[in-house]
Amino acid sequence: MEMVRNALGRLVPTEVNGKPAIPYQGVGKWRPTGCKAAPRIPTCADYPEDGNKVVGSLREALEKCGLRDGIAKFGQFCIDRQLASALRGDVDKGLFFRGASKLPFGKEIRPVADLINYLMTGQREAVAVAA
């Protein structure tokens, strides 16, 4: 059995139970690949070294969490379901929020789909939402 030193200097096998083993390489040094049955699991390599996950805007947060268009297979987090429901205008299941900033549509009442479209694209025109 071949042994190698991992990032901590310990001797570890390169194979376990007949399958290749990847030695520990250090925090954030290795990103697993492949997907057996679920979305990719984020690793510490996906985040800043100081652990701060704060982003500069709601748009950036939606992009990071992978907000999709409500089609089956959207989202891997429960918030994705609520945001997709809000995008469809489902007031019973959707997550709705209001920030302290001025609304992009003034006093005009618009569907959540229009707000999310504005946050994601900067476009202010109405969005057609499938029922």
C-alpha atoms as a PDB file:
ATOM      1  CA  MET A   1       0.000   0.000   0.000  1.00  0.00           C
ATOM      2  CA  GLU A   2       1.402   3.394  -1.013  1.00  0.00           C
ATOM      3  CA  MET A   3       1.515   6.097   1.654  1.00  0.00           C
ATOM      4  CA  VAL A   4       1.909   9.864   1.143  1.00  0.00           C
ATOM      5  CA  ARG A   5       2.125  12.849   3.480  1.00  0.00           C
ATOM      6  CA  ASN A   6      -0.965  15.048   3.691  1.00  0.00           C
ATOM      7  CA  ALA A   7      -0.989  18.810   4.387  1.00  0.00           C
ATOM      8  CA  LEU A   8      -0.560  18.123   8.104  1.00  0.00           C
ATOM      9  CA  GLY A   9       2.486  15.953   7.497  1.00  0.00           C
ATOM     10  CA  ARG A  10       0.758  12.692   8.409  1.00  0.00           C
ATOM     11  CA  LEU A  11       1.309   9.540   6.392  1.00  0.00           C
ATOM     12  CA  VAL A  12      -1.969   8.451   4.821  1.00  0.00           C
ATOM     13  CA  PRO A  13      -2.846   5.743   2.270  1.00  0.00           C
ATOM     14  CA  THR A  14      -3.557   6.650  -1.352  1.00  0.00           C
ATOM     15  CA  GLU A  15      -6.159   3.878  -1.502  1.00  0.00           C
ATOM     16  CA  VAL A  16      -8.860   2.824   0.979  1.00  0.00           C
ATOM     17  CA  ASN A  17     -10.983  -0.315   0.504  1.00  0.00           C
ATOM     18  CA  GLY A  18      -9.797  -0.603  -3.076  1.00  0.00           C
ATOM     19  CA  LYS A  19     -10.779   2.963  -3.999  1.00  0.00           C
ATOM     20  CA  PRO A  20      -8.473   5.948  -4.519  1.00  0.00           C
ATOM     21  CA  ALA A  21      -8.246   8.301  -1.534  1.00  0.00           C
ATOM     22  CA  ILE A  22      -7.367  11.976  -1.774  1.00  0.00           C
ATOM     23  CA  PRO A  23      -5.118  13.091   1.069  1.00  0.00           C
ATOM     24  CA  TYR A  24      -6.086  16.213   3.016  1.00  0.00           C
ATOM     25  CA  GLN A  25      -4.567  19.186   1.180  1.00  0.00           C
ATOM     26  CA  GLY A  26      -5.428  21.995   3.584  1.00  0.00           C
ATOM     27  CA  VAL A  27      -8.365  24.355   4.051  1.00  0.00           C
ATOM     28  CA  GLY A  28      -9.726  25.525   0.716  1.00  0.00           C
ATOM     29  CA  LYS A  29      -7.104  23.666  -1.319  1.00  0.00           C
ATOM     30  CA  TRP A  30      -9.322  20.971  -2.833  1.00  0.00           C
ATOM     31  CA  ARG A  31     -12.731  21.238  -4.445  1.00  0.00           C
ATOM     32  CA  PRO A  32     -14.644  17.999  -4.945  1.00  0.00           C
ATOM     33  CA  THR A  33     -16.088  17.394  -8.408  1.00  0.00           C
ATOM     34  CA  GLY A  34     -18.902  15.291  -9.753  1.00  0.00           C
ATOM     35  CA  CYS A  35     -22.485  14.893  -8.672  1.00  0.00           C
ATOM     36  CA  LYS A  36     -23.898  11.543  -7.695  1.00  0.00           C
ATOM     37  CA  ALA A  37     -27.493  12.399  -6.781  1.00  0.00           C
ATOM     38  CA  ALA A  38     -27.774  15.989  -5.629  1.00  0.00           C
ATOM     39  CA  PRO A  39     -26.509  19.510  -6.260  1.00  0.00           C
ATOM     40  CA  ARG A  40     -22.869  20.240  -5.547  1.00  0.00           C
ATOM     41  CA  ILE A  41     -22.123  20.791  -1.878  1.00  0.00           C
ATOM     42  CA  PRO A  42     -20.396  24.120  -1.249  1.00  0.00           C
ATOM     43  CA  THR A  43     -16.984  23.928   0.394  1.00  0.00           C
ATOM     44  CA  CYS A  44     -14.966  26.476   2.338  1.00  0.00           C
ATOM     45  CA  ALA A  45     -13.145  27.133  -0.948  1.00  0.00           C
ATOM     46  CA  ASP A  46     -16.363  28.816  -2.128  1.00  0.00           C
ATOM     47  CA  TYR A  47     -16.085  31.545   0.509  1.00  0.00           C
ATOM     48  CA  PRO A  48     -13.549  34.188   1.488  1.00  0.00           C
ATOM     49  CA  GLU A  49     -10.783  33.023   3.812  1.00  0.00           C
ATOM     50  CA  ASP A  50     -12.052  35.273   6.612  1.00  0.00           C
ATOM     51  CA  GLY A  51     -15.447  33.489   6.482  1.00  0.00           C
ATOM     52  CA  ASN A  52     -17.398  36.666   5.704  1.00  0.00           C
ATOM     53  CA  LYS A  53     -20.237  35.781   3.310  1.00  0.00           C
ATOM     54  CA  VAL A  54     -21.804  39.257   3.262  1.00  0.00           C
ATOM     55  CA  VAL A  55     -22.412  40.503  -0.282  1.00  0.00           C
ATOM     56  CA  GLY A  56     -22.894  44.036  -1.535  1.00  0.00           C
ATOM     57  CA  SER A  57     -26.448  43.807  -2.832  1.00  0.00           C
ATOM     58  CA  LEU A  58     -29.579  41.706  -3.012  1.00  0.00           C
ATOM     59  CA  ARG A  59     -28.858  41.057  -6.676  1.00  0.00           C
ATOM     60  CA  GLU A  60     -25.451  39.588  -5.799  1.00  0.00           C
ATOM     61  CA  ALA A  61     -27.059  37.471  -3.065  1.00  0.00           C
ATOM     62  CA  LEU A  62     -29.658  36.098  -5.499  1.00  0.00           C
ATOM     63  CA  GLU A  63     -26.951  35.307  -8.040  1.00  0.00           C
ATOM     64  CA  LYS A  64     -24.823  33.543  -5.405  1.00  0.00           C
ATOM     65  CA  CYS A  65     -27.712  31.428  -4.118  1.00  0.00           C
ATOM     66  CA  GLY A  66     -28.534  30.411  -7.692  1.00  0.00           C
ATOM     67  CA  LEU A  67     -32.052  31.810  -8.024  1.00  0.00           C
ATOM     68  CA  ARG A  68     -33.607  30.214 -11.062  1.00  0.00           C
ATOM     69  CA  ASP A  69     -36.774  30.770 -13.037  1.00  0.00           C
ATOM     70  CA  GLY A  70     -39.142  28.463 -11.127  1.00  0.00           C
ATOM     71  CA  ILE A  71     -38.748  25.523 -13.497  1.00  0.00           C
ATOM     72  CA  ALA A  72     -38.506  22.083 -11.905  1.00  0.00           C
ATOM     73  CA  LYS A  73     -35.034  21.418 -10.487  1.00  0.00           C
ATOM     74  CA  PHE A  74     -34.667  25.014  -9.293  1.00  0.00           C
ATOM     75  CA  GLY A  75     -32.707  25.635  -6.156  1.00  0.00           C
ATOM     76  CA  GLN A  76     -31.095  23.492  -3.566  1.00  0.00           C
ATOM     77  CA  PHE A  77     -32.065  25.605  -0.576  1.00  0.00           C
ATOM     78  CA  CYS A  78     -35.516  26.143   0.907  1.00  0.00           C
ATOM     79  CA  ILE A  79     -35.255  29.894   0.252  1.00  0.00           C
ATOM     80  CA  ASP A  80     -35.024  29.167  -3.472  1.00  0.00           C
ATOM     81  CA  ARG A  81     -38.520  27.661  -3.377  1.00  0.00           C
ATOM     82  CA  GLN A  82     -39.938  30.736  -1.658  1.00  0.00           C
ATOM     83  CA  LEU A  83     -38.141  33.144  -3.994  1.00  0.00           C
ATOM     84  CA  ALA A  84     -39.307  31.176  -7.046  1.00  0.00           C
ATOM     85  CA  SER A  85     -42.872  31.244  -5.667  1.00  0.00           C
ATOM     86  CA  ALA A  86     -42.544  35.012  -5.218  1.00  0.00           C
ATOM     87  CA  LEU A  87     -41.270  35.288  -8.783  1.00  0.00           C
ATOM     88  CA  ARG A  88     -44.448  33.512  -9.945  1.00  0.00           C
ATOM     89  CA  GLY A  89     -46.544  35.891  -7.800  1.00  0.00           C
ATOM     90  CA  ASP A  90     -47.714  33.169  -5.374  1.00  0.00           C
ATOM     91  CA  VAL A  91     -48.538  35.256  -2.291  1.00  0.00           C
ATOM     92  CA  ASP A  92     -49.299  32.162  -0.180  1.00  0.00           C
ATOM     93  CA  LYS A  93     -45.918  30.466  -0.657  1.00  0.00           C
ATOM     94  CA  GLY A  94     -43.619  33.271  -1.754  1.00  0.00           C
ATOM     95  CA  LEU A  95     -41.075  35.138   0.323  1.00  0.00           C
ATOM     96  CA  PHE A  96     -41.597  38.875   0.065  1.00  0.00           C
ATOM     97  CA  PHE A  97     -39.383  41.533   1.524  1.00  0.00           C
ATOM     98  CA  ARG A  98     -38.943  45.277   1.482  1.00  0.00           C
ATOM     99  CA  GLY A  99     -35.629  47.025   1.913  1.00  0.00           C
ATOM    100  CA  ALA A 100     -35.027  50.520   3.274  1.00  0.00           C
ATOM    101  CA  SER A 101     -34.039  51.874  -0.144  1.00  0.00           C
ATOM    102  CA  LYS A 102     -36.347  53.689  -2.537  1.00  0.00           C
ATOM    103  CA  LEU A 103     -38.386  51.296  -4.682  1.00  0.00           C
ATOM    104  CA  PRO A 104     -37.305  51.183  -8.332  1.00  0.00           C
ATOM    105  CA  PHE A 105     -40.909  51.724  -9.554  1.00  0.00           C
ATOM    106  CA  GLY A 106     -41.789  54.725  -7.373  1.00  0.00           C
ATOM    107  CA  LYS A 107     -45.365  54.518  -6.047  1.00  0.00           C
ATOM    108  CA  GLU A 108     -46.435  52.115  -8.783  1.00  0.00           C
ATOM    109  CA  ILE A 109     -47.512  48.685  -7.494  1.00  0.00           C
ATOM    110  CA  ARG A 110     -45.806  45.992  -9.559  1.00  0.00           C
ATOM    111  CA  PRO A 111     -45.570  42.187  -9.309  1.00  0.00           C
ATOM    112  CA  VAL A 112     -42.622  40.630  -7.478  1.00  0.00           C
ATOM    113  CA  ALA A 113     -41.529  39.155 -10.824  1.00  0.00           C
ATOM    114  CA  ASP A 114     -40.895  42.708 -12.066  1.00  0.00           C
ATOM    115  CA  LEU A 115     -38.842  43.548  -8.966  1.00  0.00           C
ATOM    116  CA  ILE A 116     -36.726  40.398  -9.216  1.00  0.00           C
ATOM    117  CA  ASN A 117     -36.248  41.003 -12.955  1.00  0.00           C
ATOM    118  CA  TYR A 118     -35.104  44.543 -12.148  1.00  0.00           C
ATOM    119  CA  LEU A 119     -32.700  43.272  -9.460  1.00  0.00           C
ATOM    120  CA  MET A 120     -31.232  40.640 -11.787  1.00  0.00           C
ATOM    121  CA  THR A 121     -31.103  42.619 -15.056  1.00  0.00           C
ATOM    122  CA  GLY A 122     -31.645  46.304 -14.284  1.00  0.00           C
ATOM    123  CA  GLN A 123     -34.607  46.324 -16.698  1.00  0.00           C
ATOM    124  CA  ARG A 124     -37.778  48.081 -15.511  1.00  0.00           C
ATOM    125  CA  GLU A 125     -40.273  46.718 -18.054  1.00  0.00           C
ATOM    126  CA  ALA A 126     -43.060  44.351 -16.997  1.00  0.00           C
ATOM    127  CA  VAL A 127     -42.345  40.625 -17.034  1.00  0.00           C
ATOM    128  CA  ALA A 128     -44.859  38.102 -18.380  1.00  0.00           C
ATOM    129  CA  VAL A 129     -45.339  35.402 -15.733  1.00  0.00           C
ATOM    130  CA  ALA A 130     -46.778  31.978 -16.612  1.00  0.00           C
ATOM    131  CA  ALA A 131     -49.763  31.028 -14.490  1.00  0.00           C
END
